[in-house]
Protein backbone atom coordinates (compact mmCIF):
# COMPACT_ATOMS: atom_id res chain seq x y z
CA MET A 1 -0.34 0.18 0.28
CA ILE A 2 1.26 3.76 -0.06
CA LYS A 3 0.33 5.80 2.34
CA THR A 4 -0.42 8.98 0.85
CA LYS A 5 -4.94 8.96 0.18
CA ILE A 6 -6.39 9.97 -3.21
CA ILE A 7 -9.27 11.38 -3.37
CA ALA A 8 -11.14 11.29 -7.17
CA THR A 9 -13.86 13.42 -7.82
CA LEU A 10 -17.10 12.08 -9.50
CA GLY A 11 -18.44 12.93 -12.80
CA PRO A 12 -19.57 11.57 -16.19
CA SER A 13 -16.26 9.56 -16.25
CA SER A 14 -16.21 8.29 -13.30
CA ASN A 15 -20.60 7.62 -13.04
CA GLN A 16 -20.34 3.48 -12.72
CA ALA A 17 -19.72 1.09 -10.16
CA GLY A 18 -17.42 -0.99 -12.70
CA THR A 19 -15.54 2.23 -13.04
CA ILE A 20 -15.87 3.07 -9.19
CA LYS A 21 -14.66 0.34 -8.37
CA SER A 22 -11.95 -0.02 -10.40
CA LEU A 23 -10.52 3.17 -9.05
CA ILE A 24 -10.70 1.83 -5.50
CA ASP A 25 -8.65 -1.33 -6.73
CA ASN A 26 -6.17 1.69 -7.91
CA GLY A 27 -6.07 3.05 -4.80
CA VAL A 28 -9.16 5.35 -4.16
CA ASP A 29 -9.74 6.19 -0.83
CA VAL A 30 -12.10 9.23 -0.65
CA PHE A 31 -14.67 10.29 -2.94
CA ARG A 32 -15.44 13.49 -4.15
CA LEU A 33 -19.33 14.96 -5.20
CA ASN A 34 -18.80 18.70 -5.95
CA PHE A 35 -22.19 20.13 -5.45
CA SER A 36 -21.42 23.07 -7.60
CA HIS A 37 -21.91 20.91 -10.67
CA GLY A 38 -25.24 19.28 -10.97
CA THR A 39 -28.04 18.23 -9.52
CA LEU A 40 -28.98 16.52 -6.11
CA ASP A 41 -30.84 13.65 -7.96
CA GLU A 42 -27.14 13.04 -10.06
CA HIS A 43 -25.90 12.75 -7.12
CA ALA A 44 -28.04 10.92 -5.38
CA GLU A 45 -26.93 8.63 -8.37
CA LEU A 46 -23.56 8.64 -8.00
CA LEU A 47 -23.49 8.17 -4.08
CA ASP A 48 -25.23 5.01 -5.35
CA ALA A 49 -22.82 3.58 -7.70
CA VAL A 50 -19.95 4.63 -4.79
CA ASN A 51 -22.02 2.44 -2.57
CA LEU A 52 -22.38 -0.79 -4.87
CA ALA A 53 -18.70 -0.82 -5.84
CA ARG A 54 -17.91 -0.23 -2.21
CA SER A 55 -20.66 -3.23 -0.94
CA GLU A 56 -18.35 -5.63 -2.98
CA GLN A 57 -14.90 -3.91 -2.01
CA TYR A 58 -12.57 -5.20 1.12
CA ASN A 59 -10.96 -1.94 1.42
CA MET A 60 -12.65 0.85 2.90
CA THR A 61 -13.85 4.14 1.03
CA ALA A 62 -15.28 7.25 2.17
CA VAL A 63 -16.57 10.17 0.10
CA ILE A 64 -16.86 14.49 0.67
CA GLY A 65 -19.90 16.17 -0.23
CA ASP A 66 -18.17 19.66 -1.31
CA LEU A 67 -20.25 22.76 -0.98
CA CYS A 68 -20.56 25.26 -3.84
CA GLY A 69 -19.91 28.44 -1.22
CA PRO A 70 -20.69 31.99 -2.70
CA LYS A 71 -19.09 30.86 -5.73
CA ILE A 72 -20.24 34.24 -8.05
CA ARG A 73 -20.54 33.76 -11.50
CA THR A 74 -20.87 35.19 -14.98
CA GLY A 75 -25.19 34.65 -16.15
CA GLN A 76 -25.57 33.76 -19.68
CA ILE A 77 -23.47 35.44 -22.83
CA GLU A 78 -25.28 35.16 -25.93
CA PRO A 79 -23.63 34.35 -28.57
CA GLU A 80 -21.33 32.06 -26.84
CA GLY A 81 -17.58 32.91 -26.74
CA GLN A 82 -17.04 36.83 -27.19
CA MET A 83 -14.46 37.96 -27.36
CA LEU A 84 -12.85 40.95 -24.73
CA SER A 85 -9.98 43.35 -26.15
CA ALA A 86 -8.24 44.92 -23.86
CA GLY A 87 -9.03 48.21 -23.40
CA ASP A 88 -12.81 47.84 -23.52
CA GLU A 89 -15.50 49.07 -21.57
CA VAL A 90 -18.11 46.57 -20.13
CA ILE A 91 -20.76 46.31 -17.72
CA ILE A 92 -21.42 44.24 -15.50
CA ALA A 93 -25.19 44.13 -14.11
CA ALA A 94 -26.15 42.02 -10.72
CA GLY A 95 -28.53 39.41 -11.12
CA GLU A 96 -29.20 36.80 -13.55
CA GLU A 97 -29.33 37.79 -16.89
CA THR A 98 -28.42 37.06 -20.42
CA GLY A 99 -26.15 39.43 -21.62
CA THR A 100 -23.25 40.04 -24.49
CA ALA A 101 -19.96 40.71 -24.66
CA LYS A 102 -20.84 45.25 -23.61
CA ARG A 103 -22.64 43.78 -21.18
CA PHE A 104 -23.21 41.46 -19.08
CA GLY A 105 -24.69 39.59 -15.21
CA THR A 106 -23.63 37.61 -12.62
CA ASN A 107 -25.63 35.37 -9.94
CA TYR A 108 -24.27 37.65 -7.00
CA GLU A 109 -26.53 40.04 -6.55
CA ARG A 110 -24.96 42.02 -3.94
CA PHE A 111 -21.82 42.58 -6.75
CA THR A 112 -22.29 46.55 -6.77
CA GLU A 113 -22.49 47.11 -3.43
CA ASP A 114 -19.55 44.97 -2.26
CA VAL A 115 -16.86 45.81 -5.31
CA ASN A 116 -15.48 49.53 -5.38
CA THR A 117 -13.61 51.51 -7.63
CA GLY A 118 -10.37 50.35 -8.55
CA GLU A 119 -10.57 47.34 -8.24
CA ARG A 120 -9.99 44.18 -9.56
CA VAL A 121 -12.23 41.75 -11.21
CA PHE A 122 -11.18 38.14 -12.50
CA ILE A 123 -13.21 36.09 -14.46
CA ASP A 124 -12.40 31.77 -15.82
CA ASP A 125 -9.58 31.69 -13.59
CA GLY A 126 -8.20 34.71 -14.24
CA GLN A 127 -7.87 34.29 -17.99
CA ILE A 128 -10.01 37.51 -18.16
CA ALA A 129 -8.94 40.63 -16.01
CA LEU A 130 -11.04 43.77 -15.32
CA GLU A 131 -10.46 46.95 -13.20
CA VAL A 132 -13.35 48.87 -12.00
CA THR A 133 -13.67 52.56 -13.06
CA GLY A 134 -17.13 53.16 -11.84
CA GLN A 135 -20.70 52.82 -10.67
CA LYS A 136 -24.33 53.51 -11.24
CA ASP A 137 -27.53 51.68 -9.54
CA ASN A 138 -27.05 48.14 -9.76
CA GLU A 139 -24.40 48.30 -12.71
CA THR A 140 -20.75 48.21 -12.50
CA ILE A 141 -18.46 49.84 -14.95
CA CYS A 142 -14.89 47.90 -15.93
CA ARG A 143 -11.95 48.61 -18.03
CA VAL A 144 -10.86 45.72 -19.76
CA ILE A 145 -7.25 45.15 -18.90
CA VAL A 146 -6.38 41.52 -20.39
CA GLY A 147 -8.80 40.59 -22.92
CA GLY A 148 -9.95 36.91 -23.55
CA THR A 149 -12.87 34.94 -24.62
CA LEU A 150 -16.30 35.16 -22.50
CA ARG A 151 -18.40 32.63 -21.41
CA SER A 152 -21.32 31.69 -19.43
CA ARG A 153 -21.26 30.40 -16.14
CA LYS A 154 -17.51 30.96 -15.25
CA GLY A 155 -16.14 31.97 -12.16
CA ILE A 156 -15.42 35.83 -10.85
CA ASN A 157 -12.68 36.58 -8.82
CA LEU A 158 -12.39 39.75 -6.53
CA PRO A 159 -8.91 39.49 -5.04
CA ASP A 160 -9.62 43.11 -3.46
CA SER A 161 -13.05 42.91 -2.46
CA LYS A 162 -14.98 42.12 0.84
CA LEU A 163 -17.35 40.06 0.21
CA SER A 164 -20.69 40.27 2.77
CA SER A 165 -22.12 37.26 1.78
CA PRO A 166 -22.06 34.20 4.35
CA SER A 167 -19.79 31.59 3.24
CA ILE A 168 -22.84 29.06 3.40
CA THR A 169 -25.44 30.07 0.97
CA GLU A 170 -29.42 28.85 0.59
CA ARG A 171 -28.45 26.34 -1.66
CA ASP A 172 -25.17 25.09 0.44
CA TRP A 173 -27.47 24.07 3.32
CA LYS A 174 -29.70 21.94 0.92
CA CYS A 175 -26.34 19.93 0.25
CA VAL A 176 -26.17 19.56 3.89
CA ASP A 177 -29.58 18.33 4.37
CA TRP A 178 -28.92 15.81 1.79
CA ALA A 179 -25.73 14.65 3.31
CA ILE A 180 -27.10 14.18 6.62
CA GLU A 181 -29.62 12.15 4.98
CA LYS A 182 -27.19 10.11 2.73
CA GLU A 183 -24.85 9.78 6.03
CA LEU A 184 -22.02 11.31 4.29
CA ASP A 185 -18.20 11.36 5.65
CA PHE A 186 -16.92 15.05 5.51
CA LEU A 187 -18.38 18.18 3.96
CA ALA A 188 -16.21 20.38 2.64
CA LEU A 189 -16.84 24.30 3.09
CA SER A 190 -15.69 26.53 0.56
CA PHE A 191 -14.25 30.24 0.89
CA VAL A 192 -13.86 29.86 4.52
CA ARG A 193 -12.87 32.63 5.69
CA SER A 194 -12.51 32.99 9.82
CA SER A 195 -14.08 29.61 12.26
CA ASP A 196 -16.80 31.35 13.04
CA GLU A 197 -18.39 29.59 9.44
CA ILE A 198 -16.95 26.10 10.63
CA LYS A 199 -18.81 26.83 14.38
CA GLU A 200 -21.70 27.40 12.27
CA LEU A 201 -21.86 24.36 10.19
CA ARG A 202 -20.85 22.51 13.20
CA ASP A 203 -23.56 23.34 15.70
CA TYR A 204 -26.23 22.78 12.74
CA LEU A 205 -24.48 19.01 12.37
CA SER A 206 -24.62 18.24 15.98
CA LYS A 207 -28.36 19.44 16.32
CA ALA A 208 -28.86 16.98 13.44
CA GLY A 209 -27.10 14.21 15.80
CA VAL A 210 -24.37 13.53 12.97
CA ASP A 211 -20.90 13.19 12.79
CA ILE A 212 -20.37 14.53 9.11
CA LYS A 213 -16.43 15.70 10.20
CA ILE A 214 -15.97 19.61 8.25
CA ILE A 215 -12.93 20.23 6.11
CA ALA A 216 -12.18 23.89 5.62
CA LYS A 217 -10.90 25.02 2.33
CA ILE A 218 -8.47 27.56 2.25
CA GLU A 219 -8.74 29.72 -1.44
CA THR A 220 -8.90 33.62 -0.11
CA PRO A 221 -6.51 36.19 1.07
CA GLN A 222 -9.32 36.60 4.41
CA GLY A 223 -8.99 32.72 5.30
CA LEU A 224 -5.05 32.89 5.16
CA GLU A 225 -5.72 36.31 7.41
CA HIS A 226 -7.33 33.96 10.01
CA LEU A 227 -5.81 30.45 9.36
CA GLU A 228 -4.68 29.31 12.42
CA GLU A 229 -8.02 30.21 14.09
CA ILE A 230 -9.64 27.83 11.12
CA VAL A 231 -7.33 25.19 11.01
CA ARG A 232 -8.04 24.76 14.50
CA ALA A 233 -12.06 24.76 14.46
CA SER A 234 -11.91 21.87 11.66
CA ASP A 235 -11.59 18.63 11.35
CA ALA A 236 -9.42 18.69 8.05
CA VAL A 237 -8.12 21.48 5.83
CA LEU A 238 -7.86 21.72 2.15
CA VAL A 239 -5.49 24.22 0.09
CA ALA A 240 -7.62 25.22 -2.44
CA ARG A 241 -4.53 26.41 -5.41
CA GLY A 242 -7.56 27.05 -7.94
CA ASP A 243 -9.15 29.78 -6.25
CA LEU A 244 -6.54 30.93 -4.14
CA GLY A 245 -3.98 31.24 -7.60
CA VAL A 246 -6.65 33.83 -9.00
CA GLU A 247 -6.76 35.44 -5.12
CA MET A 248 -3.17 36.05 -4.68
CA GLU A 249 -0.59 36.41 -6.35
CA LEU A 250 0.32 33.39 -8.46
CA ALA A 251 4.13 32.86 -7.49
CA GLU A 252 3.19 32.85 -3.39
CA VAL A 253 0.95 29.83 -3.93
CA PRO A 254 3.71 27.58 -3.55
CA LEU A 255 4.85 29.31 -0.39
CA ILE A 256 0.93 29.19 0.94
CA GLN A 257 1.00 25.42 0.04
CA LYS A 258 4.08 24.93 2.46
CA ARG A 259 2.37 27.10 5.15
CA ILE A 260 -0.70 25.52 5.22
CA THR A 261 0.40 22.09 5.55
CA GLN A 262 3.44 22.75 8.25
CA MET A 263 0.70 24.22 10.18
CA CYS A 264 -1.79 21.00 9.73
CA ARG A 265 1.40 19.41 10.83
CA ASP A 266 2.16 21.32 13.98
CA LEU A 267 -1.73 21.00 15.09
CA GLY A 268 -2.30 17.42 14.09
CA ARG A 269 -5.02 18.24 11.01
CA PRO A 270 -4.85 16.02 8.20
CA VAL A 271 -4.66 18.25 5.23
CA VAL A 272 -5.32 18.35 1.07
CA VAL A 273 -3.43 19.69 -1.79
CA ALA A 274 -6.03 19.75 -4.38
CA THR A 275 -6.21 21.55 -8.25
CA GLN A 276 -4.35 20.78 -11.29
CA MET A 277 -2.52 17.98 -9.85
CA LEU A 278 -2.61 16.45 -13.18
CA GLN A 279 -4.28 18.33 -15.15
CA SER A 280 -3.15 17.48 -18.64
CA MET A 281 -4.10 13.84 -17.99
CA ILE A 282 -7.86 14.71 -18.44
CA GLU A 283 -6.46 14.52 -22.55
CA LYS A 284 -3.14 12.78 -22.51
CA PRO A 285 -3.02 9.49 -20.94
CA THR A 286 0.51 10.84 -19.22
CA ALA A 287 1.30 13.16 -17.01
CA THR A 288 3.71 16.40 -17.38
CA ARG A 289 7.33 16.16 -15.85
CA ALA A 290 6.09 19.32 -13.83
CA GLU A 291 3.13 17.82 -12.72
CA VAL A 292 4.62 14.87 -11.76
CA SER A 293 7.49 17.09 -9.36
CA ASP A 294 4.19 19.02 -8.42
CA VAL A 295 2.52 15.83 -7.12
CA ALA A 296 6.12 15.00 -5.48
CA ASN A 297 6.45 18.03 -3.57
CA ALA A 298 2.98 17.89 -2.44
CA ILE A 299 3.99 14.37 -0.46
CA MET A 300 7.53 16.24 0.72
CA ASP A 301 5.85 18.92 2.23
CA PHE A 302 3.51 16.24 4.07
CA THR A 303 0.21 16.33 2.76
CA ASP A 304 -2.18 13.50 3.71
CA ALA A 305 -3.61 13.25 0.61
CA VAL A 306 -3.85 14.96 -2.86
CA MET A 307 -7.01 15.40 -4.80
CA LEU A 308 -8.10 14.82 -8.37
CA SER A 309 -10.94 16.66 -9.75
CA GLY A 310 -11.57 17.09 -13.69
CA GLU A 311 -8.96 14.40 -14.34
CA THR A 312 -11.62 11.75 -12.42
CA ALA A 313 -14.85 13.85 -13.20
CA VAL A 314 -14.37 14.60 -16.82
CA GLY A 315 -11.05 13.23 -18.10
CA LYS A 316 -10.26 10.64 -20.51
CA TYR A 317 -8.16 9.08 -18.92
CA PRO A 318 -9.45 9.00 -14.90
CA LEU A 319 -7.87 5.24 -14.01
CA GLU A 320 -4.68 6.26 -15.78
CA ALA A 321 -4.56 9.12 -13.27
CA VAL A 322 -4.92 7.31 -9.94
CA GLN A 323 -2.36 4.78 -11.39
CA THR A 324 0.36 8.20 -11.69
CA ILE A 325 -0.46 9.10 -7.92
CA GLN A 326 0.34 5.60 -6.76
CA ARG A 327 3.51 5.37 -8.71
CA ILE A 328 4.75 9.12 -7.71
CA ALA A 329 3.37 8.63 -4.33
CA ARG A 330 5.35 5.34 -4.03
CA VAL A 331 8.41 6.66 -5.16
CA THR A 332 8.44 9.64 -2.84
CA GLU A 333 7.62 7.79 -0.06
CA SER A 334 10.44 5.31 -0.37
CA TYR A 335 13.21 8.36 -0.20
CA LEU A 336 11.19 10.16 2.40
CA GLU A 337 11.39 6.63 4.93
CA GLU A 338 15.16 6.57 3.70
CA ASN A 339 16.26 9.99 4.07
CA VAL A 340 13.59 11.67 6.67
CA ASN A 341 13.60 10.50 9.67
CA VAL A 342 11.03 12.49 11.86
CA HIS A 343 8.24 12.14 14.09
CA PRO A 344 6.74 15.77 14.62
CA LYS A 345 5.02 16.78 17.78
CA SER A 346 1.57 17.91 17.05
CA ALA A 347 -0.58 20.41 19.22
CA THR A 348 -3.89 18.17 20.61
CA VAL A 349 -6.58 19.14 23.03
CA ASP A 350 -5.66 17.91 26.97
CA GLU A 351 -7.37 14.55 26.60
CA LEU A 352 -5.50 13.27 24.04
CA VAL A 353 -2.05 14.67 25.10
CA GLN A 354 -1.19 11.02 26.39
CA THR A 355 -2.34 9.51 23.24
CA ALA A 356 -0.08 11.55 20.69
CA SER A 357 2.89 11.72 23.13
CA MET A 358 2.26 7.17 22.64
CA ALA A 359 1.81 8.40 19.22
CA ARG A 360 5.77 9.89 18.86
CA SER A 361 7.21 6.75 20.91
CA VAL A 362 5.40 4.53 18.72
CA GLY A 363 7.52 5.98 16.03
CA GLN A 364 10.92 5.69 17.59
CA ILE A 365 10.40 1.73 18.50
CA VAL A 366 9.18 1.13 15.18
CA ASP A 367 12.49 3.18 13.27
CA ASP A 368 14.68 1.16 16.70
CA ILE A 369 12.94 -2.68 16.34
CA GLY A 370 12.00 -2.56 12.28
CA ALA A 371 8.53 -3.68 12.72
CA LYS A 372 6.41 -3.92 9.83
CA LEU A 373 3.39 -2.81 11.07
CA VAL A 374 1.58 -0.73 13.84
CA ALA A 375 -2.21 -1.59 14.98
CA VAL A 376 -4.31 0.27 17.05
CA TRP A 377 -8.06 0.22 18.24
CA SER A 378 -9.04 3.53 17.32
CA GLN A 379 -12.68 3.86 17.99
CA GLY A 380 -13.58 7.21 16.75
CA GLY A 381 -10.45 7.93 15.00
CA SER A 382 -8.33 10.50 17.26
CA SER A 383 -5.44 7.73 18.28
CA ALA A 384 -5.07 6.77 13.97
CA ARG A 385 -5.31 10.40 13.19
CA LEU A 386 -1.98 10.99 15.66
CA LEU A 387 -0.43 8.13 14.21
CA SER A 388 -1.00 9.57 10.70
CA LYS A 389 0.47 12.76 11.70
CA ALA A 390 3.67 11.39 13.98
CA ARG A 391 4.60 9.95 10.60
CA ILE A 392 5.95 6.17 11.21
CA ASP A 393 7.24 4.55 8.97
CA ALA A 394 5.00 2.03 8.81
CA ALA A 395 1.21 1.33 7.58
CA VAL A 396 -1.06 1.69 10.79
CA LEU A 397 -3.62 -0.75 10.90
CA ALA A 398 -6.97 0.96 12.72
CA LEU A 399 -9.66 -0.86 13.84
CA SER A 400 -12.72 0.41 15.02
CA SER A 401 -16.68 -0.68 15.23
CA GLU A 402 -18.15 2.66 14.39
CA GLU A 403 -18.54 2.42 10.09
CA ARG A 404 -18.60 5.97 10.08
CA SER A 405 -15.39 6.49 11.88
CA CYS A 406 -13.33 4.14 9.41
CA HIS A 407 -14.43 5.57 6.57
CA GLN A 408 -13.05 8.76 8.04
CA MET A 409 -10.12 7.06 9.12
CA CYS A 410 -9.45 7.22 4.91
CA LEU A 411 -8.30 10.68 4.50
CA HIS A 412 -5.11 9.88 7.12
CA TYR A 413 -2.03 9.30 5.65
CA GLY A 414 -0.38 5.71 5.88
CA VAL A 415 -3.85 4.69 8.13
CA LEU A 416 -5.75 1.17 7.12
CA PRO A 417 -8.87 1.46 8.17
CA ARG A 418 -10.86 -1.89 8.99
CA CYS A 419 -14.93 -2.06 10.80
CA ARG A 420 -14.81 -4.86 13.21
CA PRO A 421 -16.89 -5.95 16.29
CA ILE A 422 -14.83 -4.74 19.50
CA PRO A 423 -12.35 -7.36 21.34
CA GLU A 424 -13.16 -8.75 24.63
CA ASN A 425 -9.75 -7.84 25.82
CA ILE A 426 -6.26 -7.03 24.19
CA GLU A 427 -5.39 -10.90 23.83
CA GLN A 428 -8.23 -11.15 21.47
CA PHE A 429 -7.22 -7.83 19.67
CA THR A 430 -4.03 -9.02 19.76
CA HIS A 431 -5.19 -12.39 17.58
CA LEU A 432 -7.72 -10.44 15.09
CA VAL A 433 -4.69 -8.28 14.42
CA GLU A 434 -2.72 -11.29 13.88
CA GLU A 435 -5.45 -12.81 11.63
CA MET A 436 -5.64 -9.31 9.57
CA ILE A 437 -2.45 -9.35 9.04
CA ILE A 438 -1.57 -12.70 7.65
CA SER A 439 -4.35 -13.19 5.57
CA ASP A 440 -3.91 -9.46 3.92
CA ASN A 441 0.17 -10.00 3.43
CA LEU A 442 0.81 -7.15 5.36
CA ALA A 443 3.20 -8.78 8.03
CA GLN A 444 4.64 -12.38 8.17
CA VAL A 445 5.12 -15.03 10.95
CA GLY A 446 8.37 -13.95 12.70
CA ASP A 447 7.99 -10.42 12.13
CA LYS A 448 7.60 -7.86 14.75
CA ILE A 449 4.92 -5.31 14.90
CA VAL A 450 3.57 -2.94 17.75
CA LEU A 451 -0.19 -2.76 18.74
CA LEU A 452 -1.75 0.27 20.63
CA ALA A 453 -4.66 -0.13 22.74
CA GLY A 454 -6.25 0.85 26.11
CA GLN A 455 -8.86 -1.25 28.25
CA PRO A 456 -11.51 -1.16 27.90
CA LEU A 457 -10.75 -1.24 23.96
CA GLY A 458 -13.62 0.92 22.49
CA ALA A 459 -13.83 3.50 25.34
CA ALA A 460 -12.29 6.91 24.29
CA GLY A 461 -9.40 8.54 26.10
CA THR A 462 -8.03 5.17 27.21
CA THR A 463 -5.05 4.65 24.91
CA ASN A 464 -2.66 3.44 27.38
CA ALA A 465 -0.28 0.40 26.61
CA ILE A 466 2.75 -0.19 23.46
CA ILE A 467 2.95 -3.95 22.93
CA VAL A 468 5.97 -5.13 20.96
CA HIS A 469 4.47 -8.40 19.69
CA ASN A 470 6.07 -10.96 16.88
CA VAL A 471 3.48 -12.26 14.58
CA THR A 472 2.82 -15.94 15.47
CA ALA A 473 -0.13 -17.11 13.50
CA GLY A 474 0.18 -19.22 10.33
């Protein structure tokens, strides 16, 4: 197995159970439903296909619902594909409407209120750049700085403006209710600007009585300004390089990625690097050298997961893209294990300090005795997360009796989750682990493994024993 987790976005290229099964077979750990595209009925069909594939698979997989957030887009352009040239004057009218290259609409009704003279407007990931020169009534007058082809429903970024709209829109709340009903494992919150938005969503989920983990997507300057409080409030963090590359100076994005991944290491949160990981593979069967280097560097930045978007959703080669990530991860992880010996200390809540300390100790024991595997009973996933952040040079077999916890552990680097009934004692736990690792060929008779557990098994906060064990089952 590779330790880096692979997230694949579902779409027309990957909407069949057979394709999804092949993706799982080739290493996909988490599937993403992108609520920015398609209807909830269409997402329900995708989820049915995932569940059908999962029912036939041994490996655990998780599902993320990615909320749209206040995504600003151009309105309908007729005829489609009109050119804007540098120096042209254009008018953006707040509210949906059909328009032309001279005057077009946007779905954001507060556009005129939130945008001021002198601020920049980027369209289609910055392919078109405008500068606001004036306003009247419900219209914003702009001058074209960088021209290009204007198309319908393309994203608009406002890097200089402070948006007054909430991060969770009315449509997002409908998607949240759907995610609760369908028992998704994660919700990704877009355009997070402060921890308040995460707390709002968490309170809503708590009142519904569900344990859906929240992934904070960092993609705005405001999100970076409040990065630490956002990381602490979230369950995981996603480096959304697409919008970051438009909202921020493009040359800063690699350094922002390193800053976010480092903070997630320090604070013990899983982190995902996303956007254009293997963009060329949407159309071609092989990646570019630059893309391979980019994925490898994300792994060397200690990301937990890398995410494929268009590559698996609409690309011609979804399976080949996943296989490429597999190969890059295998080589890069081998280099890290041979050349980088580090067991970082992660900040955590008081009740998990003992478990965090033991997780780091396990890393040292693995190095000293050459253990093949670490097994932990992690009922709610906290012990598995802390072992993952300790960057242990061995796979972590994490067991729980809670299926959703097992799904959510799919996001943790190096963790192989399995769902089993709670053993009565550590002796039964040890026997169960031996049976599993022999049948899965994770270790052989005579190999050393490390067990991390507590009494009673399955109770939170009881992890207090590290056991070095020689595999004897055969």
